[in-house]
PDB file of N, CA and C in Angstrom:
ATOM      1  N   MET A   1     -25.389  44.268   1.587  1.00  0.00           N
ATOM      2  CA  MET A   1     -25.165  43.064   2.352  1.00  0.00           C
ATOM      3  C   MET A   1     -24.081  42.241   1.668  1.00  0.00           C
ATOM      4  N   MET A   2     -23.115  41.821   2.460  1.00  0.00           N
ATOM      5  CA  MET A   2     -22.007  41.040   1.936  1.00  0.00           C
ATOM      6  C   MET A   2     -22.391  39.565   1.892  1.00  0.00           C
ATOM      7  N   LYS A   3     -22.015  38.911   0.806  1.00  0.00           N
ATOM      8  CA  LYS A   3     -22.219  37.475   0.686  1.00  0.00           C
ATOM      9  C   LYS A   3     -20.918  36.779   1.032  1.00  0.00           C
ATOM     10  N   SER A   4     -21.009  35.554   1.467  1.00  0.00           N
ATOM     11  CA  SER A   4     -19.795  34.799   1.726  1.00  0.00           C
ATOM     12  C   SER A   4     -19.229  34.306   0.392  1.00  0.00           C
ATOM     13  N   ALA A   5     -17.967  33.992   0.405  1.00  0.00           N
ATOM     14  CA  ALA A   5     -17.298  33.542  -0.812  1.00  0.00           C
ATOM     15  C   ALA A   5     -17.853  32.181  -1.236  1.00  0.00           C
ATOM     16  N   ASN A   6     -17.843  31.937  -2.528  1.00  0.00           N
ATOM     17  CA  ASN A   6     -18.303  30.642  -3.014  1.00  0.00           C
ATOM     18  C   ASN A   6     -17.123  29.876  -3.624  1.00  0.00           C
ATOM     19  N   ASP A   7     -17.359  28.634  -4.007  1.00  0.00           N
ATOM     20  CA  ASP A   7     -16.293  27.772  -4.507  1.00  0.00           C
ATOM     21  C   ASP A   7     -15.664  28.310  -5.792  1.00  0.00           C
ATOM     22  N   THR A   8     -16.469  28.904  -6.658  1.00  0.00           N
ATOM     23  CA  THR A   8     -15.956  29.460  -7.909  1.00  0.00           C
ATOM     24  C   THR A   8     -14.989  30.602  -7.629  1.00  0.00           C
ATOM     25  N   GLN A   9     -15.326  31.458  -6.696  1.00  0.00           N
ATOM     26  CA  GLN A   9     -14.436  32.558  -6.336  1.00  0.00           C
ATOM     27  C   GLN A   9     -13.124  32.023  -5.762  1.00  0.00           C
ATOM     28  N   LEU A  10     -13.198  30.976  -4.971  1.00  0.00           N
ATOM     29  CA  LEU A  10     -11.982  30.426  -4.384  1.00  0.00           C
ATOM     30  C   LEU A  10     -11.090  29.797  -5.451  1.00  0.00           C
ATOM     31  N   ARG A  11     -11.676  29.147  -6.420  1.00  0.00           N
ATOM     32  CA  ARG A  11     -10.874  28.585  -7.517  1.00  0.00           C
ATOM     33  C   ARG A  11     -10.182  29.700  -8.298  1.00  0.00           C
ATOM     34  N   LYS A  12     -10.895  30.790  -8.534  1.00  0.00           N
ATOM     35  CA  LYS A  12     -10.311  31.948  -9.208  1.00  0.00           C
ATOM     36  C   LYS A  12      -9.180  32.532  -8.361  1.00  0.00           C
ATOM     37  N   LEU A  13      -9.381  32.620  -7.049  1.00  0.00           N
ATOM     38  CA  LEU A  13      -8.353  33.118  -6.138  1.00  0.00           C
ATOM     39  C   LEU A  13      -7.082  32.270  -6.251  1.00  0.00           C
ATOM     40  N   MET A  14      -7.229  30.952  -6.238  1.00  0.00           N
ATOM     41  CA  MET A  14      -6.064  30.071  -6.307  1.00  0.00           C
ATOM     42  C   MET A  14      -5.364  30.182  -7.659  1.00  0.00           C
ATOM     43  N   ASP A  15      -6.124  30.331  -8.741  1.00  0.00           N
ATOM     44  CA  ASP A  15      -5.513  30.533 -10.062  1.00  0.00           C
ATOM     45  C   ASP A  15      -4.689  31.812 -10.084  1.00  0.00           C
ATOM     46  N   GLU A  16      -5.245  32.880  -9.544  1.00  0.00           N
ATOM     47  CA  GLU A  16      -4.539  34.168  -9.513  1.00  0.00           C
ATOM     48  C   GLU A  16      -3.320  34.111  -8.584  1.00  0.00           C
ATOM     49  N   MET A  17      -3.430  33.391  -7.485  1.00  0.00           N
ATOM     50  CA  MET A  17      -2.299  33.245  -6.567  1.00  0.00           C
ATOM     51  C   MET A  17      -1.152  32.497  -7.251  1.00  0.00           C
ATOM     52  N   ASN A  18      -1.472  31.507  -8.076  1.00  0.00           N
ATOM     53  CA  ASN A  18      -0.433  30.769  -8.791  1.00  0.00           C
ATOM     54  C   ASN A  18       0.250  31.645  -9.842  1.00  0.00           C
ATOM     55  N   LYS A  19      -0.459  32.629 -10.372  1.00  0.00           N
ATOM     56  CA  LYS A  19       0.118  33.517 -11.391  1.00  0.00           C
ATOM     57  C   LYS A  19       1.145  34.469 -10.805  1.00  0.00           C
ATOM     58  N   HIS A  20       0.787  35.142  -9.690  1.00  0.00           N
ATOM     59  CA  HIS A  20       1.675  36.184  -9.185  1.00  0.00           C
ATOM     60  C   HIS A  20       1.932  36.140  -7.688  1.00  0.00           C
ATOM     61  N   GLY A  21       1.199  35.347  -6.935  1.00  0.00           N
ATOM     62  CA  GLY A  21       1.477  35.132  -5.526  1.00  0.00           C
ATOM     63  C   GLY A  21       1.082  36.247  -4.571  1.00  0.00           C
ATOM     64  N   ARG A  22       0.335  37.242  -5.010  1.00  0.00           N
ATOM     65  CA  ARG A  22      -0.081  38.331  -4.127  1.00  0.00           C
ATOM     66  C   ARG A  22      -1.549  38.150  -3.752  1.00  0.00           C
ATOM     67  N   VAL A  23      -1.796  38.028  -2.464  1.00  0.00           N
ATOM     68  CA  VAL A  23      -3.146  37.751  -1.973  1.00  0.00           C
ATOM     69  C   VAL A  23      -4.104  38.903  -2.269  1.00  0.00           C
ATOM     70  N   GLY A  24      -3.657  40.138  -2.065  1.00  0.00           N
ATOM     71  CA  GLY A  24      -4.529  41.293  -2.281  1.00  0.00           C
ATOM     72  C   GLY A  24      -5.026  41.395  -3.700  1.00  0.00           C
ATOM     73  N   GLU A  25      -4.115  41.273  -4.643  1.00  0.00           N
ATOM     74  CA  GLU A  25      -4.501  41.369  -6.056  1.00  0.00           C
ATOM     75  C   GLU A  25      -5.347  40.175  -6.483  1.00  0.00           C
ATOM     76  N   ALA A  26      -4.964  38.979  -6.046  1.00  0.00           N
ATOM     77  CA  ALA A  26      -5.719  37.771  -6.388  1.00  0.00           C
ATOM     78  C   ALA A  26      -7.138  37.833  -5.817  1.00  0.00           C
ATOM     79  N   SER A  27      -7.257  38.323  -4.593  1.00  0.00           N
ATOM     80  CA  SER A  27      -8.580  38.435  -3.963  1.00  0.00           C
ATOM     81  C   SER A  27      -9.458  39.425  -4.707  1.00  0.00           C
ATOM     82  N   MET A  28      -8.864  40.547  -5.103  1.00  0.00           N
ATOM     83  CA  MET A  28      -9.621  41.564  -5.821  1.00  0.00           C
ATOM     84  C   MET A  28     -10.135  41.001  -7.151  1.00  0.00           C
ATOM     85  N   LYS A  29      -9.291  40.264  -7.866  1.00  0.00           N
ATOM     86  CA  LYS A  29      -9.713  39.686  -9.142  1.00  0.00           C
ATOM     87  C   LYS A  29     -10.754  38.586  -8.958  1.00  0.00           C
ATOM     88  N   ALA A  30     -10.730  37.935  -7.800  1.00  0.00           N
ATOM     89  CA  ALA A  30     -11.704  36.880  -7.520  1.00  0.00           C
ATOM     90  C   ALA A  30     -13.006  37.441  -6.956  1.00  0.00           C
ATOM     91  N   GLY A  31     -13.022  38.740  -6.630  1.00  0.00           N
ATOM     92  CA  GLY A  31     -14.250  39.369  -6.146  1.00  0.00           C
ATOM     93  C   GLY A  31     -14.484  39.200  -4.661  1.00  0.00           C
ATOM     94  N   MET A  32     -13.410  39.188  -3.878  1.00  0.00           N
ATOM     95  CA  MET A  32     -13.560  39.070  -2.432  1.00  0.00           C
ATOM     96  C   MET A  32     -12.560  39.970  -1.739  1.00  0.00           C
ATOM     97  N   ASP A  33     -12.756  40.176  -0.457  1.00  0.00           N
ATOM     98  CA  ASP A  33     -11.872  41.001   0.338  1.00  0.00           C
ATOM     99  C   ASP A  33     -10.532  40.281   0.554  1.00  0.00           C
ATOM    100  N   ARG A  34      -9.484  41.050   0.752  1.00  0.00           N
ATOM    101  CA  ARG A  34      -8.146  40.500   0.970  1.00  0.00           C
ATOM    102  C   ARG A  34      -8.121  39.565   2.176  1.00  0.00           C
ATOM    103  N   LYS A  35      -8.786  39.973   3.263  1.00  0.00           N
ATOM    104  CA  LYS A  35      -8.797  39.152   4.480  1.00  0.00           C
ATOM    105  C   LYS A  35      -9.537  37.832   4.252  1.00  0.00           C
ATOM    106  N   THR A  36     -10.599  37.876   3.458  1.00  0.00           N
ATOM    107  CA  THR A  36     -11.345  36.658   3.143  1.00  0.00           C
ATOM    108  C   THR A  36     -10.490  35.724   2.307  1.00  0.00           C
ATOM    109  N   GLY A  37      -9.783  36.297   1.333  1.00  0.00           N
ATOM    110  CA  GLY A  37      -8.891  35.496   0.497  1.00  0.00           C
ATOM    111  C   GLY A  37      -7.822  34.806   1.312  1.00  0.00           C
ATOM    112  N   ARG A  38      -7.225  35.535   2.246  1.00  0.00           N
ATOM    113  CA  ARG A  38      -6.186  34.944   3.089  1.00  0.00           C
ATOM    114  C   ARG A  38      -6.767  33.846   3.988  1.00  0.00           C
ATOM    115  N   LYS A  39      -7.981  34.050   4.491  1.00  0.00           N
ATOM    116  CA  LYS A  39      -8.625  33.054   5.359  1.00  0.00           C
ATOM    117  C   LYS A  39      -8.784  31.728   4.620  1.00  0.00           C
ATOM    118  N   TYR A  40      -9.296  31.785   3.385  1.00  0.00           N
ATOM    119  CA  TYR A  40      -9.512  30.553   2.633  1.00  0.00           C
ATOM    120  C   TYR A  40      -8.201  29.960   2.128  1.00  0.00           C
ATOM    121  N   GLN A  41      -7.232  30.783   1.855  1.00  0.00           N
ATOM    122  CA  GLN A  41      -5.928  30.278   1.431  1.00  0.00           C
ATOM    123  C   GLN A  41      -5.287  29.487   2.573  1.00  0.00           C
ATOM    124  N   GLN A  42      -5.354  30.007   3.778  1.00  0.00           N
ATOM    125  CA  GLN A  42      -4.771  29.328   4.934  1.00  0.00           C
ATOM    126  C   GLN A  42      -5.568  28.083   5.323  1.00  0.00           C
ATOM    127  N   ALA A  43      -6.882  28.115   5.110  1.00  0.00           N
ATOM    128  CA  ALA A  43      -7.721  26.966   5.454  1.00  0.00           C
ATOM    129  C   ALA A  43      -7.450  25.790   4.519  1.00  0.00           C
ATOM    130  N   GLY A  44      -7.176  26.082   3.261  1.00  0.00           N
ATOM    131  CA  GLY A  44      -6.900  25.020   2.304  1.00  0.00           C
ATOM    132  C   GLY A  44      -8.109  24.181   1.946  1.00  0.00           C
ATOM    133  N   ALA A  45      -9.304  24.737   2.108  1.00  0.00           N
ATOM    134  CA  ALA A  45     -10.533  24.012   1.798  1.00  0.00           C
ATOM    135  C   ALA A  45     -11.524  24.955   1.128  1.00  0.00           C
ATOM    136  N   LEU A  46     -12.441  24.387   0.376  1.00  0.00           N
ATOM    137  CA  LEU A  46     -13.473  25.170  -0.282  1.00  0.00           C
ATOM    138  C   LEU A  46     -14.481  25.686   0.742  1.00  0.00           C
ATOM    139  N   PRO A  47     -15.120  26.827   0.459  1.00  0.00           N
ATOM    140  CA  PRO A  47     -16.134  27.350   1.388  1.00  0.00           C
ATOM    141  C   PRO A  47     -17.261  26.362   1.667  1.00  0.00           C
ATOM    142  N   SER A  48     -17.648  25.582   0.668  1.00  0.00           N
ATOM    143  CA  SER A  48     -18.722  24.602   0.880  1.00  0.00           C
ATOM    144  C   SER A  48     -18.286  23.490   1.832  1.00  0.00           C
ATOM    145  N   GLU A  49     -16.982  23.216   1.894  1.00  0.00           N
ATOM    146  CA  GLU A  49     -16.480  22.199   2.811  1.00  0.00           C
ATOM    147  C   GLU A  49     -16.386  22.734   4.240  1.00  0.00           C
ATOM    148  N   LEU A  50     -16.225  24.045   4.379  1.00  0.00           N
ATOM    149  CA  LEU A  50     -16.078  24.654   5.698  1.00  0.00           C
ATOM    150  C   LEU A  50     -17.416  25.018   6.339  1.00  0.00           C
ATOM    151  N   ALA A  51     -18.474  25.098   5.544  1.00  0.00           N
ATOM    152  CA  ALA A  51     -19.785  25.497   6.067  1.00  0.00           C
ATOM    153  C   ALA A  51     -20.313  24.442   7.031  1.00  0.00           C
ATOM    154  N   LYS A  52     -20.833  24.889   8.154  1.00  0.00           N
ATOM    155  CA  LYS A  52     -21.376  23.987   9.155  1.00  0.00           C
ATOM    156  C   LYS A  52     -22.893  24.116   9.168  1.00  0.00           C
ATOM    157  N   GLN A  53     -23.567  22.992   9.335  1.00  0.00           N
ATOM    158  CA  GLN A  53     -25.016  22.999   9.454  1.00  0.00           C
ATOM    159  C   GLN A  53     -25.376  23.405  10.873  1.00  0.00           C
ATOM    160  N   ARG A  54     -26.377  24.244  11.015  1.00  0.00           N
ATOM    161  CA  ARG A  54     -26.815  24.614  12.354  1.00  0.00           C
ATOM    162  C   ARG A  54     -28.094  23.852  12.676  1.00  0.00           C
ATOM    163  N   ASP A  55     -28.261  23.562  13.940  1.00  0.00           N
ATOM    164  CA  ASP A  55     -29.437  22.805  14.354  1.00  0.00           C
ATOM    165  C   ASP A  55     -30.290  23.581  15.356  1.00  0.00           C
ATOM    166  N   TRP A  56     -30.047  24.868  15.461  1.00  0.00           N
ATOM    167  CA  TRP A  56     -30.836  25.683  16.373  1.00  0.00           C
ATOM    168  C   TRP A  56     -31.693  26.663  15.573  1.00  0.00           C
ATOM    169  N   ARG A  57     -32.719  27.146  16.186  1.00  0.00           N
ATOM    170  CA  ARG A  57     -33.621  28.090  15.536  1.00  0.00           C
ATOM    171  C   ARG A  57     -33.101  29.497  15.754  1.00  0.00           C
ATOM    172  N   THR A  58     -33.197  30.307  14.741  1.00  0.00           N
ATOM    173  CA  THR A  58     -32.768  31.692  14.872  1.00  0.00           C
ATOM    174  C   THR A  58     -33.918  32.602  15.284  1.00  0.00           C
ATOM    175  N   ARG A  59     -35.132  32.115  15.113  1.00  0.00           N
ATOM    176  CA  ARG A  59     -36.323  32.881  15.503  1.00  0.00           C
ATOM    177  C   ARG A  59     -37.327  31.951  16.157  1.00  0.00           C
ATOM    178  N   GLN A  60     -38.187  32.547  16.920  1.00  0.00           N
ATOM    179  CA  GLN A  60     -39.273  31.772  17.518  1.00  0.00           C
ATOM    180  C   GLN A  60     -40.281  31.455  16.415  1.00  0.00           C
ATOM    181  N   ASP A  61     -40.822  30.245  16.451  1.00  0.00           N
ATOM    182  CA  ASP A  61     -41.789  29.819  15.447  1.00  0.00           C
ATOM    183  C   ASP A  61     -43.091  30.585  15.630  1.00  0.00           C
ATOM    184  N   ALA A  62     -43.492  31.329  14.601  1.00  0.00           N
ATOM    185  CA  ALA A  62     -44.688  32.157  14.675  1.00  0.00           C
ATOM    186  C   ALA A  62     -45.972  31.321  14.756  1.00  0.00           C
ATOM    187  N   PHE A  63     -45.946  30.102  14.256  1.00  0.00           N
ATOM    188  CA  PHE A  63     -47.133  29.259  14.234  1.00  0.00           C
ATOM    189  C   PHE A  63     -47.204  28.285  15.416  1.00  0.00           C
ATOM    190  N   GLU A  64     -46.217  28.361  16.279  1.00  0.00           N
ATOM    191  CA  GLU A  64     -46.157  27.432  17.399  1.00  0.00           C
ATOM    192  C   GLU A  64     -47.386  27.551  18.311  1.00  0.00           C
ATOM    193  N   GLU A  65     -47.789  28.772  18.607  1.00  0.00           N
ATOM    194  CA  GLU A  65     -48.929  28.952  19.521  1.00  0.00           C
ATOM    195  C   GLU A  65     -50.251  28.514  18.890  1.00  0.00           C
ATOM    196  N   LEU A  66     -50.310  28.403  17.576  1.00  0.00           N
ATOM    197  CA  LEU A  66     -51.521  27.937  16.906  1.00  0.00           C
ATOM    198  C   LEU A  66     -51.570  26.422  16.787  1.00  0.00           C
ATOM    199  N   GLY A  67     -50.480  25.778  17.159  1.00  0.00           N
ATOM    200  CA  GLY A  67     -50.423  24.321  17.071  1.00  0.00           C
ATOM    201  C   GLY A  67     -50.029  23.842  15.683  1.00  0.00           C
ATOM    202  N   LEU A  68     -49.590  24.750  14.833  1.00  0.00           N
ATOM    203  CA  LEU A  68     -49.148  24.373  13.492  1.00  0.00           C
ATOM    204  C   LEU A  68     -47.624  24.299  13.476  1.00  0.00           C
ATOM    205  N   ARG A  69     -47.108  23.425  12.680  1.00  0.00           N
ATOM    206  CA  ARG A  69     -45.654  23.331  12.541  1.00  0.00           C
ATOM    207  C   ARG A  69     -45.270  23.887  11.171  1.00  0.00           C
ATOM    208  N   SER A  70     -44.114  24.523  11.143  1.00  0.00           N
ATOM    209  CA  SER A  70     -43.644  25.026   9.859  1.00  0.00           C
ATOM    210  C   SER A  70     -43.204  23.857   8.997  1.00  0.00           C
ATOM    211  N   ARG A  71     -43.263  24.002   7.704  1.00  0.00           N
ATOM    212  CA  ARG A  71     -42.947  22.908   6.765  1.00  0.00           C
ATOM    213  C   ARG A  71     -41.456  22.744   6.523  1.00  0.00           C
ATOM    214  N   ARG A  72     -40.637  23.668   6.954  1.00  0.00           N
ATOM    215  CA  ARG A  72     -39.213  23.634   6.661  1.00  0.00           C
ATOM    216  C   ARG A  72     -38.481  22.508   7.381  1.00  0.00           C
ATOM    217  N   ARG A  73     -38.994  22.020   8.452  1.00  0.00           N
ATOM    218  CA  ARG A  73     -38.300  20.983   9.228  1.00  0.00           C
ATOM    219  C   ARG A  73     -38.375  19.714   8.551  1.00  0.00           C
TER     220      ARG A  73
END
């Protein structure tokens, strides 16, 4: 399972880009795919700044029919 890039990886990507300017090599050294590196380079923002909060449920609440509410809300 692939994880999304984190802020530390993006900082490493930008450091490597400043050294030699090649996205593929910089992305590899930062531990991410070339396409992911280019996406964040063009966005100009950290992954934590780009993440959006979702307000919908991804699954039906298993305890709903029992009249119990999950504690996560």
